[in-house]
Amino acid sequence: MRKSNTERVDAVIQQFMRLNGIETPYNQFRLIQAWPEVMGAQIQRYTGDIFIKNQTLHVQITSPAVKQNLLMQHRALARTLNEHVGAQVIEDIKFY
């Protein structure tokens, strides 16, 4: 016999994470982990420290030429990373 009050497992997990205040840190972790996959090996080679503070992704880029190229695309990159994670995690990206 099938119960009528069934819920999907992913919905239950998401609700649990939201109620316990761990959804945002988890999404931030996922976004940082997605950086190499989204950006590719060539950009990852020039990537140093990466962290999120106040909904801004801070990324250390060791090549001035690569940094300049990424600066011109920072809004589109933020949108792409958010889409990859499936949540609005960051609003902007700062390169240093």
PDB file of N, CA and C in Angstrom:
ATOM      1  N   MET A   1       0.844  -1.177   0.000  1.00  0.00           N
ATOM      2  CA  MET A   1       0.000   0.000   0.000  1.00  0.00           C
ATOM      3  C   MET A   1       0.887   1.238   0.000  1.00  0.00           C
ATOM      4  N   ARG A   2       0.513   2.210  -0.747  1.00  0.00           N
ATOM      5  CA  ARG A   2       1.296   3.430  -0.903  1.00  0.00           C
ATOM      6  C   ARG A   2       0.746   4.532   0.004  1.00  0.00           C
ATOM      7  N   LYS A   3       1.661   5.205   0.694  1.00  0.00           N
ATOM      8  CA  LYS A   3       1.249   6.311   1.548  1.00  0.00           C
ATOM      9  C   LYS A   3       1.055   7.562   0.708  1.00  0.00           C
ATOM     10  N   SER A   4       0.123   8.397   1.116  1.00  0.00           N
ATOM     11  CA  SER A   4      -0.165   9.590   0.340  1.00  0.00           C
ATOM     12  C   SER A   4       0.703  10.778   0.732  1.00  0.00           C
ATOM     13  N   ASN A   5       1.405  10.690   1.830  1.00  0.00           N
ATOM     14  CA  ASN A   5       2.224  11.819   2.280  1.00  0.00           C
ATOM     15  C   ASN A   5       3.712  11.591   2.032  1.00  0.00           C
ATOM     16  N   THR A   6       4.041  10.984   0.918  1.00  0.00           N
ATOM     17  CA  THR A   6       5.444  10.736   0.597  1.00  0.00           C
ATOM     18  C   THR A   6       6.085  12.003   0.054  1.00  0.00           C
ATOM     19  N   GLU A   7       7.384  12.125   0.302  1.00  0.00           N
ATOM     20  CA  GLU A   7       8.171  13.251  -0.198  1.00  0.00           C
ATOM     21  C   GLU A   7       9.440  12.715  -0.836  1.00  0.00           C
ATOM     22  N   ARG A   8       9.953  13.499  -1.767  1.00  0.00           N
ATOM     23  CA  ARG A   8      11.211  13.105  -2.402  1.00  0.00           C
ATOM     24  C   ARG A   8      12.358  13.262  -1.406  1.00  0.00           C
ATOM     25  N   VAL A   9      13.322  12.385  -1.499  1.00  0.00           N
ATOM     26  CA  VAL A   9      14.460  12.408  -0.581  1.00  0.00           C
ATOM     27  C   VAL A   9      15.240  13.712  -0.702  1.00  0.00           C
ATOM     28  N   ASP A  10      15.480  14.167  -1.926  1.00  0.00           N
ATOM     29  CA  ASP A  10      16.241  15.410  -2.089  1.00  0.00           C
ATOM     30  C   ASP A  10      15.510  16.609  -1.479  1.00  0.00           C
ATOM     31  N   ALA A  11      14.189  16.620  -1.530  1.00  0.00           N
ATOM     32  CA  ALA A  11      13.423  17.710  -0.918  1.00  0.00           C
ATOM     33  C   ALA A  11      13.527  17.655   0.604  1.00  0.00           C
ATOM     34  N   VAL A  12      13.513  16.470   1.157  1.00  0.00           N
ATOM     35  CA  VAL A  12      13.640  16.311   2.612  1.00  0.00           C
ATOM     36  C   VAL A  12      15.037  16.748   3.065  1.00  0.00           C
ATOM     37  N   ILE A  13      16.052  16.370   2.331  1.00  0.00           N
ATOM     38  CA  ILE A  13      17.427  16.750   2.684  1.00  0.00           C
ATOM     39  C   ILE A  13      17.593  18.258   2.588  1.00  0.00           C
ATOM     40  N   GLN A  14      17.061  18.859   1.529  1.00  0.00           N
ATOM     41  CA  GLN A  14      17.166  20.307   1.372  1.00  0.00           C
ATOM     42  C   GLN A  14      16.439  21.027   2.504  1.00  0.00           C
ATOM     43  N   GLN A  15      15.272  20.546   2.879  1.00  0.00           N
ATOM     44  CA  GLN A  15      14.525  21.148   3.987  1.00  0.00           C
ATOM     45  C   GLN A  15      15.302  21.010   5.297  1.00  0.00           C
ATOM     46  N   PHE A  16      15.893  19.856   5.526  1.00  0.00           N
ATOM     47  CA  PHE A  16      16.700  19.637   6.728  1.00  0.00           C
ATOM     48  C   PHE A  16      17.884  20.609   6.773  1.00  0.00           C
ATOM     49  N   MET A  17      18.572  20.754   5.639  1.00  0.00           N
ATOM     50  CA  MET A  17      19.729  21.654   5.582  1.00  0.00           C
ATOM     51  C   MET A  17      19.310  23.101   5.825  1.00  0.00           C
ATOM     52  N   ARG A  18      18.195  23.495   5.242  1.00  0.00           N
ATOM     53  CA  ARG A  18      17.707  24.873   5.424  1.00  0.00           C
ATOM     54  C   ARG A  18      17.333  25.124   6.888  1.00  0.00           C
ATOM     55  N   LEU A  19      16.643  24.184   7.507  1.00  0.00           N
ATOM     56  CA  LEU A  19      16.224  24.345   8.905  1.00  0.00           C
ATOM     57  C   LEU A  19      17.407  24.387   9.869  1.00  0.00           C
ATOM     58  N   ASN A  20      18.496  23.719   9.516  1.00  0.00           N
ATOM     59  CA  ASN A  20      19.667  23.666  10.387  1.00  0.00           C
ATOM     60  C   ASN A  20      20.756  24.668   9.993  1.00  0.00           C
ATOM     61  N   GLY A  21      20.469  25.533   9.034  1.00  0.00           N
ATOM     62  CA  GLY A  21      21.389  26.604   8.670  1.00  0.00           C
ATOM     63  C   GLY A  21      22.645  26.155   7.948  1.00  0.00           C
ATOM     64  N   ILE A  22      22.587  25.029   7.270  1.00  0.00           N
ATOM     65  CA  ILE A  22      23.790  24.554   6.570  1.00  0.00           C
ATOM     66  C   ILE A  22      23.634  24.565   5.049  1.00  0.00           C
ATOM     67  N   GLU A  23      22.514  25.049   4.558  1.00  0.00           N
ATOM     68  CA  GLU A  23      22.307  25.079   3.112  1.00  0.00           C
ATOM     69  C   GLU A  23      23.261  26.071   2.435  1.00  0.00           C
ATOM     70  N   THR A  24      23.376  27.276   2.980  1.00  0.00           N
ATOM     71  CA  THR A  24      24.251  28.294   2.372  1.00  0.00           C
ATOM     72  C   THR A  24      25.719  27.880   2.411  1.00  0.00           C
ATOM     73  N   PRO A  25      26.256  27.447   3.561  1.00  0.00           N
ATOM     74  CA  PRO A  25      27.661  27.002   3.551  1.00  0.00           C
ATOM     75  C   PRO A  25      27.911  25.828   2.595  1.00  0.00           C
ATOM     76  N   TYR A  26      26.957  24.939   2.495  1.00  0.00           N
ATOM     77  CA  TYR A  26      27.103  23.804   1.591  1.00  0.00           C
ATOM     78  C   TYR A  26      27.134  24.279   0.131  1.00  0.00           C
ATOM     79  N   ASN A  27      26.240  25.201  -0.224  1.00  0.00           N
ATOM     80  CA  ASN A  27      26.237  25.730  -1.589  1.00  0.00           C
ATOM     81  C   ASN A  27      27.505  26.515  -1.888  1.00  0.00           C
ATOM     82  N   GLN A  28      28.032  27.241  -0.906  1.00  0.00           N
ATOM     83  CA  GLN A  28      29.295  27.945  -1.098  1.00  0.00           C
ATOM     84  C   GLN A  28      30.425  26.955  -1.355  1.00  0.00           C
ATOM     85  N   PHE A  29      30.458  25.888  -0.589  1.00  0.00           N
ATOM     86  CA  PHE A  29      31.469  24.842  -0.782  1.00  0.00           C
ATOM     87  C   PHE A  29      31.357  24.250  -2.184  1.00  0.00           C
ATOM     88  N   ARG A  30      30.126  23.956  -2.614  1.00  0.00           N
ATOM     89  CA  ARG A  30      29.911  23.381  -3.943  1.00  0.00           C
ATOM     90  C   ARG A  30      30.365  24.336  -5.046  1.00  0.00           C
ATOM     91  N   LEU A  31      30.124  25.629  -4.862  1.00  0.00           N
ATOM     92  CA  LEU A  31      30.525  26.605  -5.866  1.00  0.00           C
ATOM     93  C   LEU A  31      32.045  26.680  -5.982  1.00  0.00           C
ATOM     94  N   ILE A  32      32.729  26.710  -4.854  1.00  0.00           N
ATOM     95  CA  ILE A  32      34.196  26.741  -4.876  1.00  0.00           C
ATOM     96  C   ILE A  32      34.750  25.472  -5.523  1.00  0.00           C
ATOM     97  N   GLN A  33      34.139  24.338  -5.211  1.00  0.00           N
ATOM     98  CA  GLN A  33      34.576  23.085  -5.814  1.00  0.00           C
ATOM     99  C   GLN A  33      34.286  23.044  -7.308  1.00  0.00           C
ATOM    100  N   ALA A  34      33.300  23.805  -7.770  1.00  0.00           N
ATOM    101  CA  ALA A  34      32.937  23.817  -9.185  1.00  0.00           C
ATOM    102  C   ALA A  34      33.863  24.694 -10.026  1.00  0.00           C
ATOM    103  N   TRP A  35      34.632  25.582  -9.388  1.00  0.00           N
ATOM    104  CA  TRP A  35      35.498  26.507 -10.124  1.00  0.00           C
ATOM    105  C   TRP A  35      36.375  25.789 -11.162  1.00  0.00           C
ATOM    106  N   PRO A  36      37.145  24.757 -10.793  1.00  0.00           N
ATOM    107  CA  PRO A  36      38.005  24.106 -11.807  1.00  0.00           C
ATOM    108  C   PRO A  36      37.203  23.460 -12.937  1.00  0.00           C
ATOM    109  N   GLU A  37      36.070  22.891 -12.606  1.00  0.00           N
ATOM    110  CA  GLU A  37      35.260  22.218 -13.617  1.00  0.00           C
ATOM    111  C   GLU A  37      34.664  23.231 -14.605  1.00  0.00           C
ATOM    112  N   VAL A  38      34.158  24.336 -14.082  1.00  0.00           N
ATOM    113  CA  VAL A  38      33.540  25.350 -14.932  1.00  0.00           C
ATOM    114  C   VAL A  38      34.589  26.106 -15.735  1.00  0.00           C
ATOM    115  N   MET A  39      35.701  26.447 -15.105  1.00  0.00           N
ATOM    116  CA  MET A  39      36.711  27.285 -15.755  1.00  0.00           C
ATOM    117  C   MET A  39      37.691  26.503 -16.617  1.00  0.00           C
ATOM    118  N   GLY A  40      37.891  25.265 -16.328  1.00  0.00           N
ATOM    119  CA  GLY A  40      38.801  24.446 -17.117  1.00  0.00           C
ATOM    120  C   GLY A  40      40.219  24.431 -16.568  1.00  0.00           C
ATOM    121  N   ALA A  41      41.019  23.537 -17.091  1.00  0.00           N
ATOM    122  CA  ALA A  41      42.376  23.313 -16.586  1.00  0.00           C
ATOM    123  C   ALA A  41      43.294  24.512 -16.830  1.00  0.00           C
ATOM    124  N   GLN A  42      43.104  25.218 -17.927  1.00  0.00           N
ATOM    125  CA  GLN A  42      44.002  26.336 -18.237  1.00  0.00           C
ATOM    126  C   GLN A  42      43.856  27.471 -17.233  1.00  0.00           C
ATOM    127  N   ILE A  43      42.627  27.801 -16.855  1.00  0.00           N
ATOM    128  CA  ILE A  43      42.402  28.860 -15.863  1.00  0.00           C
ATOM    129  C   ILE A  43      42.802  28.351 -14.479  1.00  0.00           C
ATOM    130  N   GLN A  44      42.501  27.102 -14.189  1.00  0.00           N
ATOM    131  CA  GLN A  44      42.836  26.531 -12.882  1.00  0.00           C
ATOM    132  C   GLN A  44      44.338  26.594 -12.620  1.00  0.00           C
ATOM    133  N   ARG A  45      45.124  26.494 -13.671  1.00  0.00           N
ATOM    134  CA  ARG A  45      46.579  26.556 -13.535  1.00  0.00           C
ATOM    135  C   ARG A  45      47.039  27.897 -12.952  1.00  0.00           C
ATOM    136  N   TYR A  46      46.284  28.972 -13.234  1.00  0.00           N
ATOM    137  CA  TYR A  46      46.628  30.309 -12.749  1.00  0.00           C
ATOM    138  C   TYR A  46      45.825  30.731 -11.521  1.00  0.00           C
ATOM    139  N   THR A  47      45.056  29.818 -10.962  1.00  0.00           N
ATOM    140  CA  THR A  47      44.207  30.122  -9.809  1.00  0.00           C
ATOM    141  C   THR A  47      44.943  29.806  -8.514  1.00  0.00           C
ATOM    142  N   GLY A  48      44.924  30.768  -7.594  1.00  0.00           N
ATOM    143  CA  GLY A  48      45.495  30.577  -6.261  1.00  0.00           C
ATOM    144  C   GLY A  48      44.376  30.396  -5.250  1.00  0.00           C
ATOM    145  N   ASP A  49      44.372  31.242  -4.220  1.00  0.00           N
ATOM    146  CA  ASP A  49      43.344  31.176  -3.184  1.00  0.00           C
ATOM    147  C   ASP A  49      41.983  31.540  -3.763  1.00  0.00           C
ATOM    148  N   ILE A  50      40.961  30.909  -3.220  1.00  0.00           N
ATOM    149  CA  ILE A  50      39.590  31.181  -3.634  1.00  0.00           C
ATOM    150  C   ILE A  50      38.690  31.036  -2.414  1.00  0.00           C
ATOM    151  N   PHE A  51      37.852  32.060  -2.179  1.00  0.00           N
ATOM    152  CA  PHE A  51      36.931  32.021  -1.043  1.00  0.00           C
ATOM    153  C   PHE A  51      35.745  32.940  -1.321  1.00  0.00           C
ATOM    154  N   ILE A  52      34.692  32.773  -0.521  1.00  0.00           N
ATOM    155  CA  ILE A  52      33.487  33.586  -0.652  1.00  0.00           C
ATOM    156  C   ILE A  52      33.311  34.401   0.616  1.00  0.00           C
ATOM    157  N   LYS A  53      33.056  35.701   0.439  1.00  0.00           N
ATOM    158  CA  LYS A  53      32.786  36.589   1.560  1.00  0.00           C
ATOM    159  C   LYS A  53      31.729  37.591   1.112  1.00  0.00           C
ATOM    160  N   ASN A  54      30.654  37.699   1.864  1.00  0.00           N
ATOM    161  CA  ASN A  54      29.566  38.637   1.560  1.00  0.00           C
ATOM    162  C   ASN A  54      29.029  38.460   0.141  1.00  0.00           C
ATOM    163  N   GLN A  55      28.757  37.248  -0.245  1.00  0.00           N
ATOM    164  CA  GLN A  55      28.211  36.888  -1.552  1.00  0.00           C
ATOM    165  C   GLN A  55      29.105  37.328  -2.716  1.00  0.00           C
ATOM    166  N   THR A  56      30.396  37.475  -2.446  1.00  0.00           N
ATOM    167  CA  THR A  56      31.371  37.790  -3.487  1.00  0.00           C
ATOM    168  C   THR A  56      32.436  36.706  -3.495  1.00  0.00           C
ATOM    169  N   LEU A  57      32.677  36.152  -4.651  1.00  0.00           N
ATOM    170  CA  LEU A  57      33.729  35.156  -4.816  1.00  0.00           C
ATOM    171  C   LEU A  57      35.037  35.896  -5.032  1.00  0.00           C
ATOM    172  N   HIS A  58      36.025  35.629  -4.194  1.00  0.00           N
ATOM    173  CA  HIS A  58      37.346  36.242  -4.304  1.00  0.00           C
ATOM    174  C   HIS A  58      38.307  35.181  -4.848  1.00  0.00           C
ATOM    175  N   VAL A  59      38.955  35.504  -5.958  1.00  0.00           N
ATOM    176  CA  VAL A  59      39.822  34.538  -6.623  1.00  0.00           C
ATOM    177  C   VAL A  59      41.180  35.176  -6.890  1.00  0.00           C
ATOM    178  N   GLN A  60      42.232  34.512  -6.436  1.00  0.00           N
ATOM    179  CA  GLN A  60      43.590  34.963  -6.734  1.00  0.00           C
ATOM    180  C   GLN A  60      43.993  34.387  -8.084  1.00  0.00           C
ATOM    181  N   ILE A  61      44.376  35.273  -8.997  1.00  0.00           N
ATOM    182  CA  ILE A  61      44.843  34.866 -10.326  1.00  0.00           C
ATOM    183  C   ILE A  61      46.297  35.311 -10.451  1.00  0.00           C
ATOM    184  N   THR A  62      47.178  34.375 -10.785  1.00  0.00           N
ATOM    185  CA  THR A  62      48.611  34.649 -10.797  1.00  0.00           C
ATOM    186  C   THR A  62      49.127  35.240 -12.107  1.00  0.00           C
ATOM    187  N   SER A  63      48.304  35.277 -13.133  1.00  0.00           N
ATOM    188  CA  SER A  63      48.714  35.837 -14.422  1.00  0.00           C
ATOM    189  C   SER A  63      47.934  37.129 -14.688  1.00  0.00           C
ATOM    190  N   PRO A  64      48.636  38.250 -14.882  1.00  0.00           N
ATOM    191  CA  PRO A  64      47.939  39.510 -15.167  1.00  0.00           C
ATOM    192  C   PRO A  64      47.072  39.451 -16.428  1.00  0.00           C
ATOM    193  N   ALA A  65      47.530  38.764 -17.450  1.00  0.00           N
ATOM    194  CA  ALA A  65      46.760  38.670 -18.693  1.00  0.00           C
ATOM    195  C   ALA A  65      45.465  37.885 -18.484  1.00  0.00           C
ATOM    196  N   VAL A  66      45.559  36.785 -17.770  1.00  0.00           N
ATOM    197  CA  VAL A  66      44.371  35.976 -17.480  1.00  0.00           C
ATOM    198  C   VAL A  66      43.418  36.762 -16.588  1.00  0.00           C
ATOM    199  N   LYS A  67      43.957  37.464 -15.599  1.00  0.00           N
ATOM    200  CA  LYS A  67      43.134  38.262 -14.696  1.00  0.00           C
ATOM    201  C   LYS A  67      42.355  39.325 -15.480  1.00  0.00           C
ATOM    202  N   GLN A  68      43.012  40.003 -16.387  1.00  0.00           N
ATOM    203  CA  GLN A  68      42.339  41.037 -17.192  1.00  0.00           C
ATOM    204  C   GLN A  68      41.226  40.439 -18.034  1.00  0.00           C
ATOM    205  N   ASN A  69      41.475  39.298 -18.611  1.00  0.00           N
ATOM    206  CA  ASN A  69      40.466  38.623 -19.429  1.00  0.00           C
ATOM    207  C   ASN A  69      39.252  38.235 -18.572  1.00  0.00           C
ATOM    208  N   LEU A  70      39.508  37.713 -17.380  1.00  0.00           N
ATOM    209  CA  LEU A  70      38.420  37.298 -16.494  1.00  0.00           C
ATOM    210  C   LEU A  70      37.643  38.493 -15.949  1.00  0.00           C
ATOM    211  N   LEU A  71      38.330  39.609 -15.720  1.00  0.00           N
ATOM    212  CA  LEU A  71      37.656  40.815 -15.229  1.00  0.00           C
ATOM    213  C   LEU A  71      36.549  41.261 -16.182  1.00  0.00           C
ATOM    214  N   MET A  72      36.777  41.119 -17.471  1.00  0.00           N
ATOM    215  CA  MET A  72      35.787  41.540 -18.457  1.00  0.00           C
ATOM    216  C   MET A  72      34.565  40.623 -18.469  1.00  0.00           C
ATOM    217  N   GLN A  73      34.708  39.430 -17.920  1.00  0.00           N
ATOM    218  CA  GLN A  73      33.625  38.442 -17.952  1.00  0.00           C
ATOM    219  C   GLN A  73      33.034  38.151 -16.576  1.00  0.00           C
ATOM    220  N   HIS A  74      33.375  38.925 -15.547  1.00  0.00           N
ATOM    221  CA  HIS A  74      33.045  38.535 -14.182  1.00  0.00           C
ATOM    222  C   HIS A  74      31.547  38.351 -13.930  1.00  0.00           C
ATOM    223  N   ARG A  75      30.682  39.149 -14.517  1.00  0.00           N
ATOM    224  CA  ARG A  75      29.228  38.987 -14.299  1.00  0.00           C
ATOM    225  C   ARG A  75      28.723  37.679 -14.931  1.00  0.00           C
ATOM    226  N   ALA A  76      29.158  37.404 -16.133  1.00  0.00           N
ATOM    227  CA  ALA A  76      28.747  36.168 -16.807  1.00  0.00           C
ATOM    228  C   ALA A  76      29.293  34.947 -16.085  1.00  0.00           C
ATOM    229  N   LEU A  77      30.513  35.049 -15.571  1.00  0.00           N
ATOM    230  CA  LEU A  77      31.097  33.928 -14.825  1.00  0.00           C
ATOM    231  C   LEU A  77      30.318  33.669 -13.541  1.00  0.00           C
ATOM    232  N   ALA A  78      29.915  34.725 -12.848  1.00  0.00           N
ATOM    233  CA  ALA A  78      29.118  34.563 -11.620  1.00  0.00           C
ATOM    234  C   ALA A  78      27.804  33.871 -11.943  1.00  0.00           C
ATOM    235  N   ARG A  79      27.167  34.280 -13.020  1.00  0.00           N
ATOM    236  CA  ARG A  79      25.899  33.665 -13.431  1.00  0.00           C
ATOM    237  C   ARG A  79      26.104  32.183 -13.764  1.00  0.00           C
ATOM    238  N   THR A  80      27.173  31.875 -14.490  1.00  0.00           N
ATOM    239  CA  THR A  80      27.459  30.487 -14.871  1.00  0.00           C
ATOM    240  C   THR A  80      27.725  29.613 -13.653  1.00  0.00           C
ATOM    241  N   LEU A  81      28.506  30.125 -12.705  1.00  0.00           N
ATOM    242  CA  LEU A  81      28.795  29.356 -11.495  1.00  0.00           C
ATOM    243  C   LEU A  81      27.529  29.125 -10.673  1.00  0.00           C
ATOM    244  N   ASN A  82      26.693  30.139 -10.539  1.00  0.00           N
ATOM    245  CA  ASN A  82      25.430  29.971  -9.814  1.00  0.00           C
ATOM    246  C   ASN A  82      24.540  28.931 -10.490  1.00  0.00           C
ATOM    247  N   GLU A  83      24.463  28.976 -11.808  1.00  0.00           N
ATOM    248  CA  GLU A  83      23.667  27.997 -12.544  1.00  0.00           C
ATOM    249  C   GLU A  83      24.213  26.591 -12.359  1.00  0.00           C
ATOM    250  N   HIS A  84      25.524  26.467 -12.317  1.00  0.00           N
ATOM    251  CA  HIS A  84      26.150  25.161 -12.136  1.00  0.00           C
ATOM    252  C   HIS A  84      25.765  24.549 -10.778  1.00  0.00           C
ATOM    253  N   VAL A  85      25.717  25.394  -9.755  1.00  0.00           N
ATOM    254  CA  VAL A  85      25.364  24.939  -8.404  1.00  0.00           C
ATOM    255  C   VAL A  85      23.852  24.792  -8.261  1.00  0.00           C
ATOM    256  N   GLY A  86      23.093  25.563  -9.018  1.00  0.00           N
ATOM    257  CA  GLY A  86      21.639  25.500  -8.928  1.00  0.00           C
ATOM    258  C   GLY A  86      21.073  26.375  -7.827  1.00  0.00           C
ATOM    259  N   ALA A  87      21.829  27.398  -7.422  1.00  0.00           N
ATOM    260  CA  ALA A  87      21.376  28.311  -6.372  1.00  0.00           C
ATOM    261  C   ALA A  87      22.070  29.656  -6.560  1.00  0.00           C
ATOM    262  N   GLN A  88      21.459  30.713  -6.046  1.00  0.00           N
ATOM    263  CA  GLN A  88      22.056  32.050  -6.092  1.00  0.00           C
ATOM    264  C   GLN A  88      23.016  32.174  -4.910  1.00  0.00           C
ATOM    265  N   VAL A  89      24.272  31.836  -5.127  1.00  0.00           N
ATOM    266  CA  VAL A  89      25.280  31.812  -4.064  1.00  0.00           C
ATOM    267  C   VAL A  89      26.090  33.104  -4.052  1.00  0.00           C
ATOM    268  N   ILE A  90      26.498  33.562  -5.228  1.00  0.00           N
ATOM    269  CA  ILE A  90      27.329  34.773  -5.310  1.00  0.00           C
ATOM    270  C   ILE A  90      26.657  35.810  -6.194  1.00  0.00           C
ATOM    271  N   GLU A  91      26.983  37.065  -5.941  1.00  0.00           N
ATOM    272  CA  GLU A  91      26.492  38.155  -6.773  1.00  0.00           C
ATOM    273  C   GLU A  91      27.588  38.708  -7.671  1.00  0.00           C
ATOM    274  N   ASP A  92      28.843  38.549  -7.259  1.00  0.00           N
ATOM    275  CA  ASP A  92      29.943  39.127  -8.022  1.00  0.00           C
ATOM    276  C   ASP A  92      31.212  38.309  -7.807  1.00  0.00           C
ATOM    277  N   ILE A  93      32.204  38.583  -8.622  1.00  0.00           N
ATOM    278  CA  ILE A  93      33.521  37.945  -8.498  1.00  0.00           C
ATOM    279  C   ILE A  93      34.564  39.060  -8.484  1.00  0.00           C
ATOM    280  N   LYS A  94      35.488  38.974  -7.554  1.00  0.00           N
ATOM    281  CA  LYS A  94      36.624  39.901  -7.487  1.00  0.00           C
ATOM    282  C   LYS A  94      37.895  39.096  -7.713  1.00  0.00           C
ATOM    283  N   PHE A  95      38.729  39.582  -8.598  1.00  0.00           N
ATOM    284  CA  PHE A  95      40.012  38.937  -8.878  1.00  0.00           C
ATOM    285  C   PHE A  95      41.126  39.777  -8.287  1.00  0.00           C
ATOM    286  N   TYR A  96      42.064  39.130  -7.644  1.00  0.00           N
ATOM    287  CA  TYR A  96      43.214  39.847  -7.072  1.00  0.00           C
ATOM    288  C   TYR A  96      44.481  39.098  -7.367  1.00  0.00           C
TER     289      TYR A  96
END
